[in-house]
Amino acid sequence: MRAAPSPVVIRFQAAAATMPKHARLRHAVIEAIEAGELPAGTKLAGERELSEALGLSLGTTQKALGRLMDEGFLVRRQGHGTFVGSVRQPIAGSWHFRFAAVDGGPELPVFATIIERRLELQDGPWSAALGPDPKGYVMVRRRLDIGGKFNCASQLYLPASRFGRLVRMAEKRLADTNLKAVLASEFSAPTLHSEGLAQLGRLSHEDAMLIGIAPGTWGLQVHITCRSFGRTPISFQRMSVPPTSYALKLDFNPPLPETPPA
């Protein structure tokens, strides 16, 4: 049995032929979303499949979908496809995963997936930065999706004596969340300052597999120590960034609060 045409195809074919093709596709997707024909979280057909169905060049389809992603109607998940937006909310107020095009423009949205949480009893750079803790250290391992363009890896360590409850908190409380906000609200430990060291090196096999690049690839490795009241260190983060054409902002200051609409 032949599948029914998608609402995007139907609306594209019904649009005025005088419109540029990329604009026709963009309007077709927006109209299908606003009509409820493509609910939030719906996965779109792949770019090549959609191009073939509409008789468009791949470049035209990519132009239309790229603009829709910039406008927030669509979200690309690396390795998974393109989805109707609002299925996930980006992290608000990220300090460190702040990427933008080299020639300017808005910062790319950041989405975080919790991969692992456990108690780390061994010493390492985290213990040197945080000091000894008789209960060990909470380790939170995450994959950061940077606007659907590439992934980063993060291992965050915190003193278990103070932050051990993080291991038991519901995952949905931590996914796509600025963990600094969790530390402030749940543990009365606001992040007031951070400093970091960055160097180029071959990313670990574990990080390479996590972010979908070849093992042994060179990347940027950043070690960040965050401090709270009295400059007490509360977290140590190891951040791994793959080769990318996007620029990383290095001021490491909290972003300015958004101005409320007038």
C-alpha atoms as a PDB file:
ATOM      1  CA  MET A   1       0.000   0.000   0.000  1.00  0.00           C
ATOM      2  CA  ARG A   2       1.396   3.386  -0.993  1.00  0.00           C
ATOM      3  CA  ALA A   3       2.041   5.815   1.865  1.00  0.00           C
ATOM      4  CA  ALA A   4       0.062   9.046   1.906  1.00  0.00           C
ATOM      5  CA  PRO A   5       2.076  12.144   0.971  1.00  0.00           C
ATOM      6  CA  SER A   6       3.385  14.139   3.901  1.00  0.00           C
ATOM      7  CA  PRO A   7       1.709  17.436   4.840  1.00  0.00           C
ATOM      8  CA  VAL A   8       4.909  19.240   3.807  1.00  0.00           C
ATOM      9  CA  VAL A   9       4.697  17.796   0.287  1.00  0.00           C
ATOM     10  CA  ILE A  10       0.987  18.642   0.019  1.00  0.00           C
ATOM     11  CA  ARG A  11       1.472  22.225   1.170  1.00  0.00           C
ATOM     12  CA  PHE A  12       4.568  22.723  -0.981  1.00  0.00           C
ATOM     13  CA  GLN A  13       2.723  21.582  -4.094  1.00  0.00           C
ATOM     14  CA  ALA A  14      -0.237  23.842  -3.251  1.00  0.00           C
ATOM     15  CA  ALA A  15       1.930  26.953  -2.800  1.00  0.00           C
ATOM     16  CA  ALA A  16       2.237  29.608  -5.474  1.00  0.00           C
ATOM     17  CA  ALA A  17       4.808  28.562  -8.049  1.00  0.00           C
ATOM     18  CA  THR A  18       6.004  32.171  -8.296  1.00  0.00           C
ATOM     19  CA  MET A  19       7.670  31.929  -4.876  1.00  0.00           C
ATOM     20  CA  PRO A  20      11.326  30.870  -4.721  1.00  0.00           C
ATOM     21  CA  LYS A  21      11.490  27.144  -4.084  1.00  0.00           C
ATOM     22  CA  HIS A  22      13.362  27.439  -0.775  1.00  0.00           C
ATOM     23  CA  ALA A  23      10.725  29.926   0.429  1.00  0.00           C
ATOM     24  CA  ARG A  24       7.918  27.577  -0.656  1.00  0.00           C
ATOM     25  CA  LEU A  25       9.456  24.746   1.350  1.00  0.00           C
ATOM     26  CA  ARG A  26       9.997  26.956   4.390  1.00  0.00           C
ATOM     27  CA  HIS A  27       6.389  28.157   4.338  1.00  0.00           C
ATOM     28  CA  ALA A  28       5.105  24.612   3.810  1.00  0.00           C
ATOM     29  CA  VAL A  29       6.892  23.387   6.940  1.00  0.00           C
ATOM     30  CA  ILE A  30       5.786  26.377   9.045  1.00  0.00           C
ATOM     31  CA  GLU A  31       2.152  26.015   7.929  1.00  0.00           C
ATOM     32  CA  ALA A  32       2.176  22.274   8.687  1.00  0.00           C
ATOM     33  CA  ILE A  33       3.599  22.956  12.162  1.00  0.00           C
ATOM     34  CA  GLU A  34       1.120  25.739  12.933  1.00  0.00           C
ATOM     35  CA  ALA A  35      -1.788  23.594  11.689  1.00  0.00           C
ATOM     36  CA  GLY A  36      -0.824  20.811  14.068  1.00  0.00           C
ATOM     37  CA  GLU A  37       0.058  18.438  11.237  1.00  0.00           C
ATOM     38  CA  LEU A  38       3.649  18.200  12.503  1.00  0.00           C
ATOM     39  CA  PRO A  39       3.545  18.113  16.323  1.00  0.00           C
ATOM     40  CA  ALA A  40       6.598  19.014  18.398  1.00  0.00           C
ATOM     41  CA  GLY A  41       9.129  16.211  18.289  1.00  0.00           C
ATOM     42  CA  THR A  42       8.073  14.889  14.862  1.00  0.00           C
ATOM     43  CA  LYS A  43      11.027  13.641  12.840  1.00  0.00           C
ATOM     44  CA  LEU A  44      11.241  15.025   9.312  1.00  0.00           C
ATOM     45  CA  ALA A  45      12.265  13.028   6.287  1.00  0.00           C
ATOM     46  CA  GLY A  46      15.962  13.197   5.507  1.00  0.00           C
ATOM     47  CA  GLU A  47      17.232  16.018   3.312  1.00  0.00           C
ATOM     48  CA  ARG A  48      17.833  13.773   0.301  1.00  0.00           C
ATOM     49  CA  GLU A  49      14.497  12.006   0.671  1.00  0.00           C
ATOM     50  CA  LEU A  50      12.687  15.327   0.994  1.00  0.00           C
ATOM     51  CA  SER A  51      14.561  16.743  -2.014  1.00  0.00           C
ATOM     52  CA  GLU A  52      13.542  13.779  -4.156  1.00  0.00           C
ATOM     53  CA  ALA A  53       9.902  13.954  -3.038  1.00  0.00           C
ATOM     54  CA  LEU A  54       9.691  17.669  -3.886  1.00  0.00           C
ATOM     55  CA  GLY A  55      11.885  17.665  -6.977  1.00  0.00           C
ATOM     56  CA  LEU A  56      14.350  20.094  -5.383  1.00  0.00           C
ATOM     57  CA  SER A  57      18.101  20.258  -5.372  1.00  0.00           C
ATOM     58  CA  LEU A  58      19.770  19.222  -2.122  1.00  0.00           C
ATOM     59  CA  GLY A  59      21.160  22.742  -1.737  1.00  0.00           C
ATOM     60  CA  THR A  60      17.677  24.295  -1.955  1.00  0.00           C
ATOM     61  CA  THR A  61      16.330  21.928   0.690  1.00  0.00           C
ATOM     62  CA  GLN A  62      19.302  22.563   2.974  1.00  0.00           C
ATOM     63  CA  LYS A  63      18.845  26.334   2.597  1.00  0.00           C
ATOM     64  CA  ALA A  64      15.196  26.146   3.670  1.00  0.00           C
ATOM     65  CA  LEU A  65      15.793  23.739   6.567  1.00  0.00           C
ATOM     66  CA  GLY A  66      18.811  25.728   7.746  1.00  0.00           C
ATOM     67  CA  ARG A  67      16.722  28.872   8.048  1.00  0.00           C
ATOM     68  CA  LEU A  68      13.981  26.973   9.870  1.00  0.00           C
ATOM     69  CA  MET A  69      16.565  25.734  12.370  1.00  0.00           C
ATOM     70  CA  ASP A  70      17.884  29.264  12.875  1.00  0.00           C
ATOM     71  CA  GLU A  71      14.303  30.383  13.557  1.00  0.00           C
ATOM     72  CA  GLY A  72      13.680  27.565  16.037  1.00  0.00           C
ATOM     73  CA  PHE A  73      11.022  25.706  14.041  1.00  0.00           C
ATOM     74  CA  LEU A  74      13.341  22.730  13.580  1.00  0.00           C
ATOM     75  CA  VAL A  75      16.086  21.153  15.682  1.00  0.00           C
ATOM     76  CA  ARG A  76      18.823  18.916  14.298  1.00  0.00           C
ATOM     77  CA  ARG A  77      20.120  16.123  16.519  1.00  0.00           C
ATOM     78  CA  GLN A  78      23.477  14.926  15.284  1.00  0.00           C
ATOM     79  CA  GLY A  79      23.248  11.276  14.276  1.00  0.00           C
ATOM     80  CA  HIS A  80      19.469  11.187  14.738  1.00  0.00           C
ATOM     81  CA  GLY A  81      17.930  13.571  12.212  1.00  0.00           C
ATOM     82  CA  THR A  82      15.856  16.743  12.084  1.00  0.00           C
ATOM     83  CA  PHE A  83      12.849  17.249  14.356  1.00  0.00           C
ATOM     84  CA  VAL A  84      10.110  19.808  14.880  1.00  0.00           C
ATOM     85  CA  GLY A  85      11.291  22.179  17.594  1.00  0.00           C
ATOM     86  CA  SER A  86      10.267  22.480  21.225  1.00  0.00           C
ATOM     87  CA  VAL A  87      10.840  18.785  21.931  1.00  0.00           C
ATOM     88  CA  ARG A  88      13.788  19.898  24.065  1.00  0.00           C
ATOM     89  CA  GLN A  89      14.783  23.232  25.485  1.00  0.00           C
ATOM     90  CA  PRO A  90      18.389  24.373  25.228  1.00  0.00           C
ATOM     91  CA  ILE A  91      20.440  25.015  28.337  1.00  0.00           C
ATOM     92  CA  ALA A  92      19.815  28.531  29.614  1.00  0.00           C
ATOM     93  CA  GLY A  93      22.814  30.687  30.430  1.00  0.00           C
ATOM     94  CA  SER A  94      25.674  28.304  29.639  1.00  0.00           C
ATOM     95  CA  TRP A  95      29.015  29.688  30.831  1.00  0.00           C
ATOM     96  CA  HIS A  96      31.447  27.452  28.999  1.00  0.00           C
ATOM     97  CA  PHE A  97      29.807  25.800  25.984  1.00  0.00           C
ATOM     98  CA  ARG A  98      29.376  29.077  24.141  1.00  0.00           C
ATOM     99  CA  PHE A  99      30.005  28.651  20.426  1.00  0.00           C
ATOM    100  CA  ALA A 100      29.270  30.996  17.545  1.00  0.00           C
ATOM    101  CA  ALA A 101      30.308  31.524  13.943  1.00  0.00           C
ATOM    102  CA  VAL A 102      33.748  33.122  13.613  1.00  0.00           C
ATOM    103  CA  ASP A 103      32.273  36.091  11.746  1.00  0.00           C
ATOM    104  CA  GLY A 104      29.666  36.731  14.435  1.00  0.00           C
ATOM    105  CA  GLY A 105      26.034  35.850  14.953  1.00  0.00           C
ATOM    106  CA  PRO A 106      24.107  34.297  17.850  1.00  0.00           C
ATOM    107  CA  GLU A 107      25.504  31.601  20.095  1.00  0.00           C
ATOM    108  CA  LEU A 108      24.496  28.083  19.129  1.00  0.00           C
ATOM    109  CA  PRO A 109      21.933  26.429  21.421  1.00  0.00           C
ATOM    110  CA  VAL A 110      23.285  23.744  23.738  1.00  0.00           C
ATOM    111  CA  PHE A 111      21.503  20.501  24.688  1.00  0.00           C
ATOM    112  CA  ALA A 112      22.846  18.140  27.339  1.00  0.00           C
ATOM    113  CA  THR A 113      22.353  14.389  27.641  1.00  0.00           C
ATOM    114  CA  ILE A 114      23.337  12.635  30.871  1.00  0.00           C
ATOM    115  CA  ILE A 115      25.453   9.593  29.987  1.00  0.00           C
ATOM    116  CA  GLU A 116      26.661   8.432  33.382  1.00  0.00           C
ATOM    117  CA  ARG A 117      26.642   9.352  37.059  1.00  0.00           C
ATOM    118  CA  ARG A 118      28.754   7.578  39.626  1.00  0.00           C
ATOM    119  CA  LEU A 119      30.996   7.965  42.629  1.00  0.00           C
ATOM    120  CA  GLU A 120      34.682   8.389  41.781  1.00  0.00           C
ATOM    121  CA  LEU A 121      37.014   7.209  44.552  1.00  0.00           C
ATOM    122  CA  GLN A 122      40.285   7.648  42.683  1.00  0.00           C
ATOM    123  CA  ASP A 123      42.377  10.805  42.743  1.00  0.00           C
ATOM    124  CA  GLY A 124      43.068  12.795  39.609  1.00  0.00           C
ATOM    125  CA  PRO A 125      43.076  16.391  38.366  1.00  0.00           C
ATOM    126  CA  TRP A 126      39.705  16.788  40.078  1.00  0.00           C
ATOM    127  CA  SER A 127      41.091  16.006  43.529  1.00  0.00           C
ATOM    128  CA  ALA A 128      43.984  18.407  42.968  1.00  0.00           C
ATOM    129  CA  ALA A 129      41.504  21.160  42.082  1.00  0.00           C
ATOM    130  CA  LEU A 130      38.820  20.384  44.680  1.00  0.00           C
ATOM    131  CA  GLY A 131      40.920  19.107  47.558  1.00  0.00           C
ATOM    132  CA  PRO A 132      40.559  15.775  49.377  1.00  0.00           C
ATOM    133  CA  ASP A 133      37.115  14.416  50.208  1.00  0.00           C
ATOM    134  CA  PRO A 134      36.712  11.301  52.389  1.00  0.00           C
ATOM    135  CA  LYS A 135      33.578  10.278  50.458  1.00  0.00           C
ATOM    136  CA  GLY A 136      35.119  10.702  47.023  1.00  0.00           C
ATOM    137  CA  TYR A 137      33.720  12.710  44.124  1.00  0.00           C
ATOM    138  CA  VAL A 138      30.481  12.713  42.181  1.00  0.00           C
ATOM    139  CA  MET A 139      31.206  12.317  38.464  1.00  0.00           C
ATOM    140  CA  VAL A 140      28.587  13.415  35.932  1.00  0.00           C
ATOM    141  CA  ARG A 141      29.365  12.516  32.333  1.00  0.00           C
ATOM    142  CA  ARG A 142      27.439  14.351  29.607  1.00  0.00           C
ATOM    143  CA  ARG A 143      27.267  14.736  25.855  1.00  0.00           C
ATOM    144  CA  LEU A 144      26.620  18.307  24.740  1.00  0.00           C
ATOM    145  CA  ASP A 145      24.874  18.816  21.393  1.00  0.00           C
ATOM    146  CA  ILE A 146      25.986  22.198  20.063  1.00  0.00           C
ATOM    147  CA  GLY A 147      23.150  23.397  17.866  1.00  0.00           C
ATOM    148  CA  GLY A 148      23.108  20.149  15.899  1.00  0.00           C
ATOM    149  CA  LYS A 149      26.485  21.079  14.375  1.00  0.00           C
ATOM    150  CA  PHE A 150      28.778  18.937  16.550  1.00  0.00           C
ATOM    151  CA  ASN A 151      29.021  17.322  19.991  1.00  0.00           C
ATOM    152  CA  CYS A 152      31.270  17.986  22.975  1.00  0.00           C
ATOM    153  CA  ALA A 153      32.021  15.738  25.948  1.00  0.00           C
ATOM    154  CA  SER A 154      32.038  16.756  29.586  1.00  0.00           C
ATOM    155  CA  GLN A 155      33.044  15.103  32.831  1.00  0.00           C
ATOM    156  CA  LEU A 156      32.049  17.124  35.875  1.00  0.00           C
ATOM    157  CA  TYR A 157      33.442  16.268  39.330  1.00  0.00           C
ATOM    158  CA  LEU A 158      32.113  17.556  42.645  1.00  0.00           C
ATOM    159  CA  PRO A 159      32.963  16.738  46.302  1.00  0.00           C
ATOM    160  CA  ALA A 160      30.671  13.867  47.322  1.00  0.00           C
ATOM    161  CA  SER A 161      30.410  15.012  50.932  1.00  0.00           C
ATOM    162  CA  ARG A 162      28.448  18.027  49.806  1.00  0.00           C
ATOM    163  CA  PHE A 163      26.973  17.012  46.449  1.00  0.00           C
ATOM    164  CA  GLY A 164      26.428  13.249  46.778  1.00  0.00           C
ATOM    165  CA  ARG A 165      22.684  13.658  46.239  1.00  0.00           C
ATOM    166  CA  LEU A 166      23.366  14.468  42.571  1.00  0.00           C
ATOM    167  CA  VAL A 167      23.885  10.751  41.912  1.00  0.00           C
ATOM    168  CA  ARG A 168      20.320   9.999  43.027  1.00  0.00           C
ATOM    169  CA  MET A 169      18.455  12.946  41.505  1.00  0.00           C
ATOM    170  CA  ALA A 170      16.007  12.212  38.679  1.00  0.00           C
ATOM    171  CA  GLU A 171      17.750  12.359  35.309  1.00  0.00           C
ATOM    172  CA  LYS A 172      15.062  14.613  33.846  1.00  0.00           C
ATOM    173  CA  ARG A 173      16.014  17.164  36.510  1.00  0.00           C
ATOM    174  CA  LEU A 174      19.547  17.313  35.097  1.00  0.00           C
ATOM    175  CA  ALA A 175      19.158  16.804  31.322  1.00  0.00           C
ATOM    176  CA  ASP A 176      19.181  19.998  29.213  1.00  0.00           C
ATOM    177  CA  THR A 177      19.811  21.891  32.439  1.00  0.00           C
ATOM    178  CA  ASN A 178      22.499  24.314  33.470  1.00  0.00           C
ATOM    179  CA  LEU A 179      23.991  22.326  36.347  1.00  0.00           C
ATOM    180  CA  LYS A 180      25.189  25.564  37.932  1.00  0.00           C
ATOM    181  CA  ALA A 181      21.548  26.470  38.489  1.00  0.00           C
ATOM    182  CA  VAL A 182      20.976  23.095  40.161  1.00  0.00           C
ATOM    183  CA  LEU A 183      23.968  23.622  42.462  1.00  0.00           C
ATOM    184  CA  ALA A 184      22.642  27.047  43.424  1.00  0.00           C
ATOM    185  CA  SER A 185      19.013  26.030  44.003  1.00  0.00           C
ATOM    186  CA  GLU A 186      19.467  22.555  45.495  1.00  0.00           C
ATOM    187  CA  PHE A 187      22.752  22.928  47.379  1.00  0.00           C
ATOM    188  CA  SER A 188      23.040  26.680  48.069  1.00  0.00           C
ATOM    189  CA  ALA A 189      26.278  26.680  46.080  1.00  0.00           C
ATOM    190  CA  PRO A 190      26.103  29.393  43.414  1.00  0.00           C
ATOM    191  CA  THR A 191      28.986  29.555  40.970  1.00  0.00           C
ATOM    192  CA  LEU A 192      30.594  32.962  41.353  1.00  0.00           C
ATOM    193  CA  HIS A 193      33.877  32.503  39.513  1.00  0.00           C
ATOM    194  CA  SER A 194      35.612  30.061  37.216  1.00  0.00           C
ATOM    195  CA  GLU A 195      39.033  29.653  35.690  1.00  0.00           C
ATOM    196  CA  GLY A 196      40.319  27.223  33.120  1.00  0.00           C
ATOM    197  CA  LEU A 197      43.298  25.922  31.212  1.00  0.00           C
ATOM    198  CA  ALA A 198      43.050  24.780  27.584  1.00  0.00           C
ATOM    199  CA  GLN A 199      45.400  22.739  25.456  1.00  0.00           C
ATOM    200  CA  LEU A 200      45.354  20.832  22.185  1.00  0.00           C
ATOM    201  CA  GLY A 201      45.644  17.079  22.449  1.00  0.00           C
ATOM    202  CA  ARG A 202      44.337  13.796  21.144  1.00  0.00           C
ATOM    203  CA  LEU A 203      40.882  13.159  22.552  1.00  0.00           C
ATOM    204  CA  SER A 204      40.470   9.987  24.572  1.00  0.00           C
ATOM    205  CA  HIS A 205      38.927   6.925  22.933  1.00  0.00           C
ATOM    206  CA  GLU A 206      35.974   7.200  25.316  1.00  0.00           C
ATOM    207  CA  ASP A 207      35.299  10.849  24.471  1.00  0.00           C
ATOM    208  CA  ALA A 208      35.776  10.262  20.740  1.00  0.00           C
ATOM    209  CA  MET A 209      33.199   7.467  20.747  1.00  0.00           C
ATOM    210  CA  LEU A 210      30.802   9.583  22.782  1.00  0.00           C
ATOM    211  CA  ILE A 211      30.860  12.547  20.416  1.00  0.00           C
ATOM    212  CA  GLY A 212      31.060  10.595  17.170  1.00  0.00           C
ATOM    213  CA  ILE A 213      34.574  11.260  15.878  1.00  0.00           C
ATOM    214  CA  ALA A 214      37.516   8.997  15.064  1.00  0.00           C
ATOM    215  CA  PRO A 215      39.629   7.887  18.050  1.00  0.00           C
ATOM    216  CA  GLY A 216      42.909   9.762  18.212  1.00  0.00           C
ATOM    217  CA  THR A 217      41.478  12.932  16.676  1.00  0.00           C
ATOM    218  CA  TRP A 218      43.082  16.112  17.933  1.00  0.00           C
ATOM    219  CA  GLY A 219      40.798  18.463  19.813  1.00  0.00           C
ATOM    220  CA  LEU A 220      40.647  21.141  22.470  1.00  0.00           C
ATOM    221  CA  GLN A 221      40.775  19.938  26.068  1.00  0.00           C
ATOM    222  CA  VAL A 222      39.675  22.432  28.698  1.00  0.00           C
ATOM    223  CA  HIS A 223      39.949  21.954  32.465  1.00  0.00           C
ATOM    224  CA  ILE A 224      37.667  24.327  34.385  1.00  0.00           C
ATOM    225  CA  THR A 225      37.449  24.906  38.130  1.00  0.00           C
ATOM    226  CA  CYS A 226      34.347  26.689  39.439  1.00  0.00           C
ATOM    227  CA  ARG A 227      34.213  28.468  42.784  1.00  0.00           C
ATOM    228  CA  SER A 228      31.477  29.621  45.146  1.00  0.00           C
ATOM    229  CA  PHE A 229      31.438  31.717  48.308  1.00  0.00           C
ATOM    230  CA  GLY A 230      34.889  32.463  49.716  1.00  0.00           C
ATOM    231  CA  ARG A 231      36.335  31.202  46.400  1.00  0.00           C
ATOM    232  CA  THR A 232      35.759  27.644  47.607  1.00  0.00           C
ATOM    233  CA  PRO A 233      36.158  25.224  44.670  1.00  0.00           C
ATOM    234  CA  ILE A 234      32.899  23.335  44.094  1.00  0.00           C
ATOM    235  CA  SER A 235      33.384  21.660  40.711  1.00  0.00           C
ATOM    236  CA  PHE A 236      36.047  20.555  38.264  1.00  0.00           C
ATOM    237  CA  GLN A 237      35.096  19.972  34.646  1.00  0.00           C
ATOM    238  CA  ARG A 238      36.990  18.302  31.840  1.00  0.00           C
ATOM    239  CA  MET A 239      35.590  19.569  28.562  1.00  0.00           C
ATOM    240  CA  SER A 240      36.493  18.014  25.190  1.00  0.00           C
ATOM    241  CA  VAL A 241      35.844  19.906  21.949  1.00  0.00           C
ATOM    242  CA  PRO A 242      36.320  18.278  18.512  1.00  0.00           C
ATOM    243  CA  PRO A 243      37.698  20.111  15.467  1.00  0.00           C
ATOM    244  CA  THR A 244      35.073  22.631  14.372  1.00  0.00           C
ATOM    245  CA  SER A 245      34.765  25.768  12.294  1.00  0.00           C
ATOM    246  CA  TYR A 246      32.835  27.448  15.114  1.00  0.00           C
ATOM    247  CA  ALA A 247      34.521  29.697  17.668  1.00  0.00           C
ATOM    248  CA  LEU A 248      34.467  29.131  21.423  1.00  0.00           C
ATOM    249  CA  LYS A 249      33.958  32.199  23.596  1.00  0.00           C
ATOM    250  CA  LEU A 250      36.607  32.227  26.282  1.00  0.00           C
ATOM    251  CA  ASP A 251      35.599  35.020  28.647  1.00  0.00           C
ATOM    252  CA  PHE A 252      34.091  32.426  31.046  1.00  0.00           C
ATOM    253  CA  ASN A 253      31.872  35.056  32.621  1.00  0.00           C
ATOM    254  CA  PRO A 254      28.174  34.509  33.277  1.00  0.00           C
ATOM    255  CA  PRO A 255      26.055  35.796  30.388  1.00  0.00           C
ATOM    256  CA  LEU A 256      24.207  39.033  30.941  1.00  0.00           C
ATOM    257  CA  PRO A 257      20.581  38.607  32.031  1.00  0.00           C
ATOM    258  CA  GLU A 258      18.069  38.957  29.249  1.00  0.00           C
ATOM    259  CA  THR A 259      16.281  42.302  29.085  1.00  0.00           C
ATOM    260  CA  PRO A 260      12.560  41.769  29.683  1.00  0.00           C
ATOM    261  CA  PRO A 261      10.336  42.885  26.800  1.00  0.00           C
ATOM    262  CA  ALA A 262       8.962  46.379  27.149  1.00  0.00           C
END
